[in-house]
Amino acid sequence: MTDPLARPGARSAARRRALDILYEADVTQRPIATVLARHLHDPDAERPDPYTVELVAGVDRLRDELDGRIGRAAEHWTVERMPLVDRNLLRLAAYELVARPEVPTAVVLNEAIDLAKLLSTADSGRFVNGVLGRVAGEVRGGPRNGGPATGPAVPG
């Protein structure tokens, strides 16, 4: 049996779906586990793939730790004040930085920046890059595994 995540774009699609589920939980103010369970058991919806489930469940499990790391890295911002998309995107990427060391740092940052540019405000790509650059520095010693992320330089 082939690995479904070996398909080109499979992890990108899983990240996008995970972001959708996290965003839904945040906007409806329902527990992440409840929203995930609904997506897993809805007979009329496409079932989330295993990597999506891992990402969402991991963010739920480590949310306090992730929010602490994001809060320390986001100068002059609290996690609660961040736009919903940015907050959940940062949680998702921070989870990968913390719990999935085999995923290259540059991939995590670039995917998050691309989603921020696509789905959030005009300044979100730069904001997400700066915050995740600091989180990566704390967790992994800075962008590596392929070099720095594309986009503006991460302030020190």
N, C-alpha and C. Protein backbone atom coordinates (compact mmCIF):
# COMPACT_ATOMS: atom_id res chain seq x y z
N MET A 1 0.85 -1.18 0.00
CA MET A 1 0.00 0.00 0.00
C MET A 1 0.90 1.24 0.00
N THR A 2 0.58 2.21 -0.83
CA THR A 2 1.38 3.42 -0.90
C THR A 2 0.93 4.41 0.16
N ASP A 3 1.85 5.25 0.59
CA ASP A 3 1.58 6.28 1.58
C ASP A 3 0.80 7.42 0.93
N PRO A 4 -0.43 7.72 1.40
CA PRO A 4 -1.21 8.79 0.77
C PRO A 4 -0.54 10.15 0.91
N LEU A 5 0.35 10.31 1.87
CA LEU A 5 1.04 11.59 2.03
C LEU A 5 2.23 11.72 1.08
N ALA A 6 2.52 10.65 0.34
CA ALA A 6 3.59 10.72 -0.65
C ALA A 6 3.14 11.45 -1.91
N ARG A 7 1.83 11.61 -2.10
CA ARG A 7 1.32 12.34 -3.26
C ARG A 7 1.75 13.80 -3.16
N PRO A 8 2.14 14.38 -4.29
CA PRO A 8 2.49 15.81 -4.28
C PRO A 8 1.31 16.64 -3.78
N GLY A 9 1.59 17.52 -2.84
CA GLY A 9 0.57 18.41 -2.31
C GLY A 9 -0.31 17.82 -1.22
N ALA A 10 -0.09 16.54 -0.88
CA ALA A 10 -0.96 15.91 0.12
C ALA A 10 -0.82 16.57 1.49
N ARG A 11 0.40 16.87 1.89
CA ARG A 11 0.57 17.53 3.20
C ARG A 11 0.05 18.96 3.16
N SER A 12 0.21 19.64 2.03
CA SER A 12 -0.34 21.00 1.91
C SER A 12 -1.85 20.96 2.06
N ALA A 13 -2.49 20.00 1.40
CA ALA A 13 -3.94 19.86 1.51
C ALA A 13 -4.35 19.50 2.94
N ALA A 14 -3.58 18.66 3.59
CA ALA A 14 -3.87 18.29 4.98
C ALA A 14 -3.76 19.50 5.90
N ARG A 15 -2.74 20.33 5.67
CA ARG A 15 -2.59 21.55 6.47
C ARG A 15 -3.78 22.49 6.27
N ARG A 16 -4.18 22.65 5.04
CA ARG A 16 -5.32 23.54 4.73
C ARG A 16 -6.59 23.03 5.41
N ARG A 17 -6.83 21.73 5.33
CA ARG A 17 -8.02 21.16 5.96
C ARG A 17 -7.93 21.29 7.47
N ALA A 18 -6.76 21.07 8.04
CA ALA A 18 -6.58 21.22 9.48
C ALA A 18 -6.86 22.67 9.90
N LEU A 19 -6.38 23.61 9.12
CA LEU A 19 -6.63 25.02 9.41
C LEU A 19 -8.13 25.30 9.38
N ASP A 20 -8.84 24.75 8.41
CA ASP A 20 -10.29 24.94 8.33
C ASP A 20 -10.98 24.42 9.59
N ILE A 21 -10.56 23.27 10.07
CA ILE A 21 -11.19 22.68 11.27
C ILE A 21 -10.86 23.51 12.50
N LEU A 22 -9.60 23.92 12.64
CA LEU A 22 -9.21 24.75 13.79
C LEU A 22 -9.94 26.09 13.77
N TYR A 23 -10.06 26.68 12.60
CA TYR A 23 -10.76 27.95 12.45
C TYR A 23 -12.24 27.78 12.84
N GLU A 24 -12.85 26.71 12.37
CA GLU A 24 -14.26 26.44 12.70
C GLU A 24 -14.45 26.33 14.21
N ALA A 25 -13.57 25.61 14.87
CA ALA A 25 -13.68 25.46 16.32
C ALA A 25 -13.55 26.82 17.02
N ASP A 26 -12.63 27.63 16.54
CA ASP A 26 -12.40 28.94 17.15
C ASP A 26 -13.59 29.87 16.92
N VAL A 27 -14.06 29.95 15.69
CA VAL A 27 -15.14 30.89 15.37
C VAL A 27 -16.47 30.47 16.02
N THR A 28 -16.70 29.17 16.18
CA THR A 28 -17.93 28.70 16.81
C THR A 28 -17.78 28.55 18.32
N GLN A 29 -16.56 28.74 18.81
CA GLN A 29 -16.24 28.62 20.24
C GLN A 29 -16.63 27.24 20.78
N ARG A 30 -16.34 26.23 19.97
CA ARG A 30 -16.57 24.85 20.37
C ARG A 30 -15.23 24.18 20.57
N PRO A 31 -15.17 23.15 21.41
CA PRO A 31 -13.90 22.44 21.61
C PRO A 31 -13.39 21.86 20.29
N ILE A 32 -12.09 21.92 20.11
CA ILE A 32 -11.47 21.40 18.89
C ILE A 32 -11.84 19.92 18.70
N ALA A 33 -11.79 19.15 19.77
CA ALA A 33 -12.09 17.72 19.68
C ALA A 33 -13.52 17.48 19.19
N THR A 34 -14.44 18.32 19.59
CA THR A 34 -15.84 18.18 19.17
C THR A 34 -15.98 18.45 17.68
N VAL A 35 -15.34 19.50 17.22
CA VAL A 35 -15.41 19.84 15.79
C VAL A 35 -14.72 18.77 14.96
N LEU A 36 -13.57 18.30 15.41
CA LEU A 36 -12.88 17.23 14.69
C LEU A 36 -13.75 15.98 14.62
N ALA A 37 -14.36 15.60 15.72
CA ALA A 37 -15.22 14.41 15.74
C ALA A 37 -16.37 14.55 14.74
N ARG A 38 -16.94 15.74 14.64
CA ARG A 38 -18.02 15.95 13.68
C ARG A 38 -17.52 15.72 12.26
N HIS A 39 -16.32 16.23 11.96
CA HIS A 39 -15.75 16.04 10.62
C HIS A 39 -15.42 14.57 10.36
N LEU A 40 -15.02 13.85 11.38
CA LEU A 40 -14.68 12.43 11.21
C LEU A 40 -15.90 11.55 11.01
N HIS A 41 -17.03 11.97 11.57
CA HIS A 41 -18.21 11.10 11.57
C HIS A 41 -19.35 11.61 10.71
N ASP A 42 -19.15 12.70 9.99
CA ASP A 42 -20.20 13.24 9.12
C ASP A 42 -20.27 12.40 7.85
N PRO A 43 -21.36 11.68 7.65
CA PRO A 43 -21.45 10.82 6.46
C PRO A 43 -21.54 11.60 5.15
N ASP A 44 -21.89 12.88 5.23
CA ASP A 44 -22.04 13.69 4.02
C ASP A 44 -20.78 14.47 3.65
N ALA A 45 -19.74 14.35 4.46
CA ALA A 45 -18.51 15.11 4.21
C ALA A 45 -17.35 14.16 3.95
N GLU A 46 -16.36 14.68 3.26
CA GLU A 46 -15.16 13.89 3.03
C GLU A 46 -14.39 13.77 4.34
N ARG A 47 -14.02 12.56 4.67
CA ARG A 47 -13.31 12.31 5.92
C ARG A 47 -11.91 12.93 5.86
N PRO A 48 -11.50 13.62 6.93
CA PRO A 48 -10.14 14.17 6.96
C PRO A 48 -9.10 13.05 6.89
N ASP A 49 -7.99 13.31 6.18
CA ASP A 49 -6.95 12.29 6.09
C ASP A 49 -6.19 12.19 7.41
N PRO A 50 -5.40 11.15 7.58
CA PRO A 50 -4.71 10.92 8.87
C PRO A 50 -3.80 12.08 9.28
N TYR A 51 -3.13 12.74 8.34
CA TYR A 51 -2.25 13.84 8.73
C TYR A 51 -3.06 15.04 9.22
N THR A 52 -4.20 15.30 8.61
CA THR A 52 -5.09 16.36 9.09
C THR A 52 -5.51 16.06 10.53
N VAL A 53 -5.92 14.83 10.77
CA VAL A 53 -6.36 14.43 12.11
C VAL A 53 -5.22 14.60 13.10
N GLU A 54 -4.02 14.17 12.71
CA GLU A 54 -2.87 14.33 13.62
C GLU A 54 -2.61 15.79 13.94
N LEU A 55 -2.64 16.65 12.92
CA LEU A 55 -2.39 18.07 13.14
C LEU A 55 -3.42 18.69 14.07
N VAL A 56 -4.69 18.44 13.81
CA VAL A 56 -5.75 19.03 14.63
C VAL A 56 -5.69 18.49 16.06
N ALA A 57 -5.56 17.18 16.21
CA ALA A 57 -5.50 16.59 17.54
C ALA A 57 -4.25 17.05 18.28
N GLY A 58 -3.14 17.20 17.56
CA GLY A 58 -1.91 17.67 18.18
C GLY A 58 -2.03 19.11 18.66
N VAL A 59 -2.63 19.97 17.86
CA VAL A 59 -2.84 21.35 18.29
C VAL A 59 -3.73 21.36 19.53
N ASP A 60 -4.77 20.55 19.52
CA ASP A 60 -5.66 20.49 20.68
C ASP A 60 -4.90 20.04 21.93
N ARG A 61 -4.10 19.01 21.78
CA ARG A 61 -3.36 18.44 22.91
C ARG A 61 -2.30 19.40 23.45
N LEU A 62 -1.63 20.13 22.56
CA LEU A 62 -0.52 21.01 22.97
C LEU A 62 -0.87 22.49 22.95
N ARG A 63 -2.15 22.81 22.90
CA ARG A 63 -2.57 24.20 22.68
C ARG A 63 -1.98 25.18 23.69
N ASP A 64 -1.97 24.85 24.96
CA ASP A 64 -1.42 25.77 25.95
C ASP A 64 0.06 26.03 25.69
N GLU A 65 0.81 24.97 25.42
CA GLU A 65 2.24 25.13 25.12
C GLU A 65 2.43 25.96 23.85
N LEU A 66 1.67 25.65 22.82
CA LEU A 66 1.80 26.37 21.55
C LEU A 66 1.45 27.84 21.71
N ASP A 67 0.35 28.12 22.42
CA ASP A 67 -0.03 29.51 22.65
C ASP A 67 1.03 30.25 23.45
N GLY A 68 1.66 29.57 24.40
CA GLY A 68 2.74 30.19 25.16
C GLY A 68 3.92 30.55 24.27
N ARG A 69 4.30 29.64 23.40
CA ARG A 69 5.41 29.91 22.48
C ARG A 69 5.06 31.04 21.51
N ILE A 70 3.84 31.02 20.98
CA ILE A 70 3.41 32.05 20.05
C ILE A 70 3.34 33.40 20.75
N GLY A 71 2.79 33.42 21.94
CA GLY A 71 2.68 34.66 22.70
C GLY A 71 4.03 35.28 23.00
N ARG A 72 5.01 34.46 23.35
CA ARG A 72 6.36 34.99 23.61
C ARG A 72 7.01 35.52 22.33
N ALA A 73 6.69 34.88 21.21
CA ALA A 73 7.32 35.26 19.94
C ALA A 73 6.66 36.45 19.26
N ALA A 74 5.41 36.73 19.61
CA ALA A 74 4.66 37.81 18.95
C ALA A 74 4.79 39.09 19.77
N GLU A 75 5.68 39.94 19.34
CA GLU A 75 5.90 41.20 20.05
C GLU A 75 4.65 42.07 19.97
N HIS A 76 4.22 42.55 21.12
CA HIS A 76 3.10 43.50 21.22
C HIS A 76 1.76 42.89 20.82
N TRP A 77 1.65 41.58 20.79
CA TRP A 77 0.39 40.91 20.48
C TRP A 77 0.12 39.83 21.51
N THR A 78 -1.13 39.68 21.89
CA THR A 78 -1.52 38.50 22.66
C THR A 78 -2.18 37.55 21.66
N VAL A 79 -2.15 36.29 21.97
CA VAL A 79 -2.73 35.29 21.07
C VAL A 79 -4.23 35.57 20.88
N GLU A 80 -4.89 35.99 21.94
CA GLU A 80 -6.33 36.25 21.87
C GLU A 80 -6.68 37.40 20.93
N ARG A 81 -5.78 38.36 20.75
CA ARG A 81 -6.05 39.53 19.90
C ARG A 81 -5.72 39.29 18.43
N MET A 82 -5.06 38.22 18.12
CA MET A 82 -4.67 37.95 16.74
C MET A 82 -5.90 37.62 15.89
N PRO A 83 -5.86 37.96 14.60
CA PRO A 83 -6.94 37.53 13.71
C PRO A 83 -7.08 36.00 13.78
N LEU A 84 -8.31 35.52 13.68
CA LEU A 84 -8.58 34.09 13.84
C LEU A 84 -7.75 33.21 12.91
N VAL A 85 -7.64 33.60 11.66
CA VAL A 85 -6.86 32.79 10.72
C VAL A 85 -5.40 32.74 11.15
N ASP A 86 -4.84 33.90 11.48
CA ASP A 86 -3.44 33.95 11.88
C ASP A 86 -3.19 33.11 13.13
N ARG A 87 -4.06 33.27 14.12
CA ARG A 87 -3.89 32.54 15.38
C ARG A 87 -3.87 31.03 15.13
N ASN A 88 -4.81 30.53 14.35
CA ASN A 88 -4.88 29.09 14.12
C ASN A 88 -3.79 28.60 13.19
N LEU A 89 -3.40 29.41 12.24
CA LEU A 89 -2.28 29.07 11.37
C LEU A 89 -0.98 28.99 12.18
N LEU A 90 -0.78 29.92 13.09
CA LEU A 90 0.40 29.89 13.95
C LEU A 90 0.39 28.65 14.85
N ARG A 91 -0.76 28.31 15.38
CA ARG A 91 -0.85 27.10 16.21
C ARG A 91 -0.49 25.86 15.39
N LEU A 92 -1.03 25.78 14.21
CA LEU A 92 -0.79 24.64 13.33
C LEU A 92 0.70 24.50 12.99
N ALA A 93 1.31 25.59 12.56
CA ALA A 93 2.73 25.55 12.19
C ALA A 93 3.61 25.33 13.41
N ALA A 94 3.25 25.94 14.53
CA ALA A 94 4.04 25.73 15.76
C ALA A 94 3.98 24.26 16.18
N TYR A 95 2.83 23.64 16.00
CA TYR A 95 2.73 22.21 16.31
C TYR A 95 3.72 21.42 15.46
N GLU A 96 3.75 21.70 14.17
CA GLU A 96 4.69 20.96 13.31
C GLU A 96 6.13 21.22 13.73
N LEU A 97 6.45 22.45 14.09
CA LEU A 97 7.81 22.75 14.54
C LEU A 97 8.17 21.98 15.80
N VAL A 98 7.22 21.86 16.72
CA VAL A 98 7.46 21.20 18.00
C VAL A 98 7.42 19.68 17.88
N ALA A 99 6.43 19.16 17.19
CA ALA A 99 6.15 17.72 17.25
C ALA A 99 6.54 16.93 16.01
N ARG A 100 6.87 17.59 14.92
CA ARG A 100 7.22 16.88 13.69
C ARG A 100 8.60 17.32 13.20
N PRO A 101 9.65 16.93 13.91
CA PRO A 101 11.00 17.39 13.55
C PRO A 101 11.47 16.94 12.18
N GLU A 102 10.85 15.90 11.61
CA GLU A 102 11.26 15.45 10.28
C GLU A 102 10.75 16.37 9.16
N VAL A 103 9.80 17.24 9.48
CA VAL A 103 9.32 18.21 8.49
C VAL A 103 10.28 19.39 8.51
N PRO A 104 10.93 19.69 7.41
CA PRO A 104 11.92 20.78 7.40
C PRO A 104 11.31 22.12 7.84
N THR A 105 12.08 22.85 8.61
CA THR A 105 11.64 24.15 9.10
C THR A 105 11.19 25.06 7.97
N ALA A 106 11.97 25.10 6.91
CA ALA A 106 11.63 25.98 5.78
C ALA A 106 10.28 25.60 5.17
N VAL A 107 9.96 24.31 5.14
CA VAL A 107 8.68 23.87 4.60
C VAL A 107 7.54 24.36 5.49
N VAL A 108 7.69 24.19 6.80
CA VAL A 108 6.65 24.63 7.74
C VAL A 108 6.42 26.13 7.58
N LEU A 109 7.50 26.91 7.58
CA LEU A 109 7.37 28.37 7.47
C LEU A 109 6.78 28.78 6.13
N ASN A 110 7.29 28.23 5.05
CA ASN A 110 6.79 28.62 3.73
C ASN A 110 5.32 28.28 3.53
N GLU A 111 4.91 27.10 3.99
CA GLU A 111 3.50 26.72 3.86
C GLU A 111 2.61 27.66 4.67
N ALA A 112 3.03 27.98 5.88
CA ALA A 112 2.24 28.87 6.73
C ALA A 112 2.17 30.28 6.14
N ILE A 113 3.28 30.77 5.62
CA ILE A 113 3.30 32.10 5.01
C ILE A 113 2.39 32.13 3.79
N ASP A 114 2.45 31.10 2.97
CA ASP A 114 1.60 31.04 1.78
C ASP A 114 0.12 31.03 2.16
N LEU A 115 -0.25 30.26 3.19
CA LEU A 115 -1.65 30.24 3.63
C LEU A 115 -2.07 31.58 4.21
N ALA A 116 -1.17 32.22 4.94
CA ALA A 116 -1.48 33.53 5.51
C ALA A 116 -1.74 34.55 4.40
N LYS A 117 -0.89 34.54 3.39
CA LYS A 117 -1.07 35.47 2.27
C LYS A 117 -2.38 35.20 1.52
N LEU A 118 -2.73 33.93 1.41
CA LEU A 118 -3.93 33.54 0.68
C LEU A 118 -5.22 33.82 1.46
N LEU A 119 -5.19 33.57 2.76
CA LEU A 119 -6.43 33.54 3.53
C LEU A 119 -6.63 34.67 4.53
N SER A 120 -5.60 35.47 4.78
CA SER A 120 -5.73 36.47 5.83
C SER A 120 -5.46 37.87 5.28
N THR A 121 -4.99 38.74 6.13
CA THR A 121 -4.80 40.14 5.77
C THR A 121 -3.54 40.35 4.94
N ALA A 122 -3.39 41.54 4.39
CA ALA A 122 -2.24 41.87 3.56
C ALA A 122 -0.92 41.75 4.33
N ASP A 123 -0.95 42.02 5.63
CA ASP A 123 0.27 41.98 6.44
C ASP A 123 0.50 40.63 7.12
N SER A 124 -0.40 39.70 6.95
CA SER A 124 -0.31 38.44 7.68
C SER A 124 0.90 37.59 7.31
N GLY A 125 1.29 37.57 6.05
CA GLY A 125 2.45 36.78 5.66
C GLY A 125 3.70 37.22 6.40
N ARG A 126 3.91 38.50 6.48
CA ARG A 126 5.07 39.06 7.19
C ARG A 126 4.98 38.76 8.70
N PHE A 127 3.78 38.95 9.26
CA PHE A 127 3.56 38.69 10.68
C PHE A 127 3.82 37.22 11.02
N VAL A 128 3.23 36.32 10.25
CA VAL A 128 3.39 34.88 10.47
C VAL A 128 4.86 34.49 10.33
N ASN A 129 5.54 35.04 9.33
CA ASN A 129 6.96 34.75 9.14
C ASN A 129 7.77 35.16 10.37
N GLY A 130 7.52 36.36 10.87
CA GLY A 130 8.27 36.84 12.04
C GLY A 130 8.04 36.00 13.27
N VAL A 131 6.77 35.70 13.56
CA VAL A 131 6.44 34.92 14.75
C VAL A 131 6.99 33.51 14.64
N LEU A 132 6.76 32.86 13.50
CA LEU A 132 7.24 31.48 13.35
C LEU A 132 8.76 31.41 13.30
N GLY A 133 9.40 32.43 12.76
CA GLY A 133 10.86 32.46 12.78
C GLY A 133 11.39 32.44 14.21
N ARG A 134 10.73 33.17 15.09
CA ARG A 134 11.14 33.18 16.50
C ARG A 134 10.83 31.84 17.18
N VAL A 135 9.65 31.28 16.88
CA VAL A 135 9.30 29.97 17.45
C VAL A 135 10.30 28.92 16.96
N ALA A 136 10.60 28.94 15.67
CA ALA A 136 11.58 27.99 15.13
C ALA A 136 12.93 28.16 15.80
N GLY A 137 13.33 29.39 16.05
CA GLY A 137 14.60 29.63 16.73
C GLY A 137 14.62 29.03 18.12
N GLU A 138 13.50 29.12 18.81
CA GLU A 138 13.39 28.57 20.16
C GLU A 138 13.36 27.04 20.13
N VAL A 139 12.62 26.48 19.18
CA VAL A 139 12.40 25.03 19.14
C VAL A 139 13.51 24.30 18.42
N ARG A 140 13.94 24.86 17.29
CA ARG A 140 14.87 24.13 16.42
C ARG A 140 16.19 24.85 16.20
N GLY A 141 16.37 25.96 16.83
CA GLY A 141 17.62 26.70 16.63
C GLY A 141 17.59 27.57 15.40
N GLY A 142 16.39 27.89 14.87
CA GLY A 142 16.28 28.79 13.71
C GLY A 142 15.97 28.04 12.45
N PRO A 143 15.62 28.78 11.38
CA PRO A 143 15.33 28.12 10.11
C PRO A 143 16.52 27.31 9.64
N ARG A 144 16.26 26.06 9.30
CA ARG A 144 17.30 25.17 8.79
C ARG A 144 16.64 24.15 7.89
N ASN A 145 17.29 23.07 7.63
CA ASN A 145 16.73 22.04 6.76
C ASN A 145 16.29 22.62 5.43
N GLY A 146 17.14 23.33 4.77
CA GLY A 146 16.77 23.92 3.50
C GLY A 146 16.93 25.41 3.49
N GLY A 147 17.40 25.99 4.59
CA GLY A 147 17.66 27.42 4.61
C GLY A 147 16.48 28.22 5.12
N PRO A 148 16.63 29.53 5.08
CA PRO A 148 15.58 30.39 5.62
C PRO A 148 14.34 30.37 4.73
N ALA A 149 13.24 30.73 5.34
CA ALA A 149 12.00 30.84 4.60
C ALA A 149 12.09 32.00 3.63
N THR A 150 11.30 31.90 2.57
CA THR A 150 11.26 33.02 1.63
C THR A 150 10.47 34.15 2.25
N GLY A 151 10.67 35.34 1.76
CA GLY A 151 9.94 36.48 2.27
C GLY A 151 10.86 37.37 3.07
N PRO A 152 10.29 38.30 3.83
CA PRO A 152 11.09 39.26 4.56
C PRO A 152 11.97 38.56 5.59
N ALA A 153 13.08 39.17 5.89
CA ALA A 153 13.99 38.62 6.89
C ALA A 153 13.29 38.63 8.24
N VAL A 154 13.56 37.61 9.03
CA VAL A 154 12.98 37.52 10.36
C VAL A 154 13.82 38.37 11.29
N PRO A 155 13.18 39.34 11.98
CA PRO A 155 13.93 40.18 12.89
C PRO A 155 14.52 39.36 14.04
N GLY A 156 15.64 39.77 14.56
CA GLY A 156 16.31 39.03 15.62
C GLY A 156 15.83 39.27 16.95
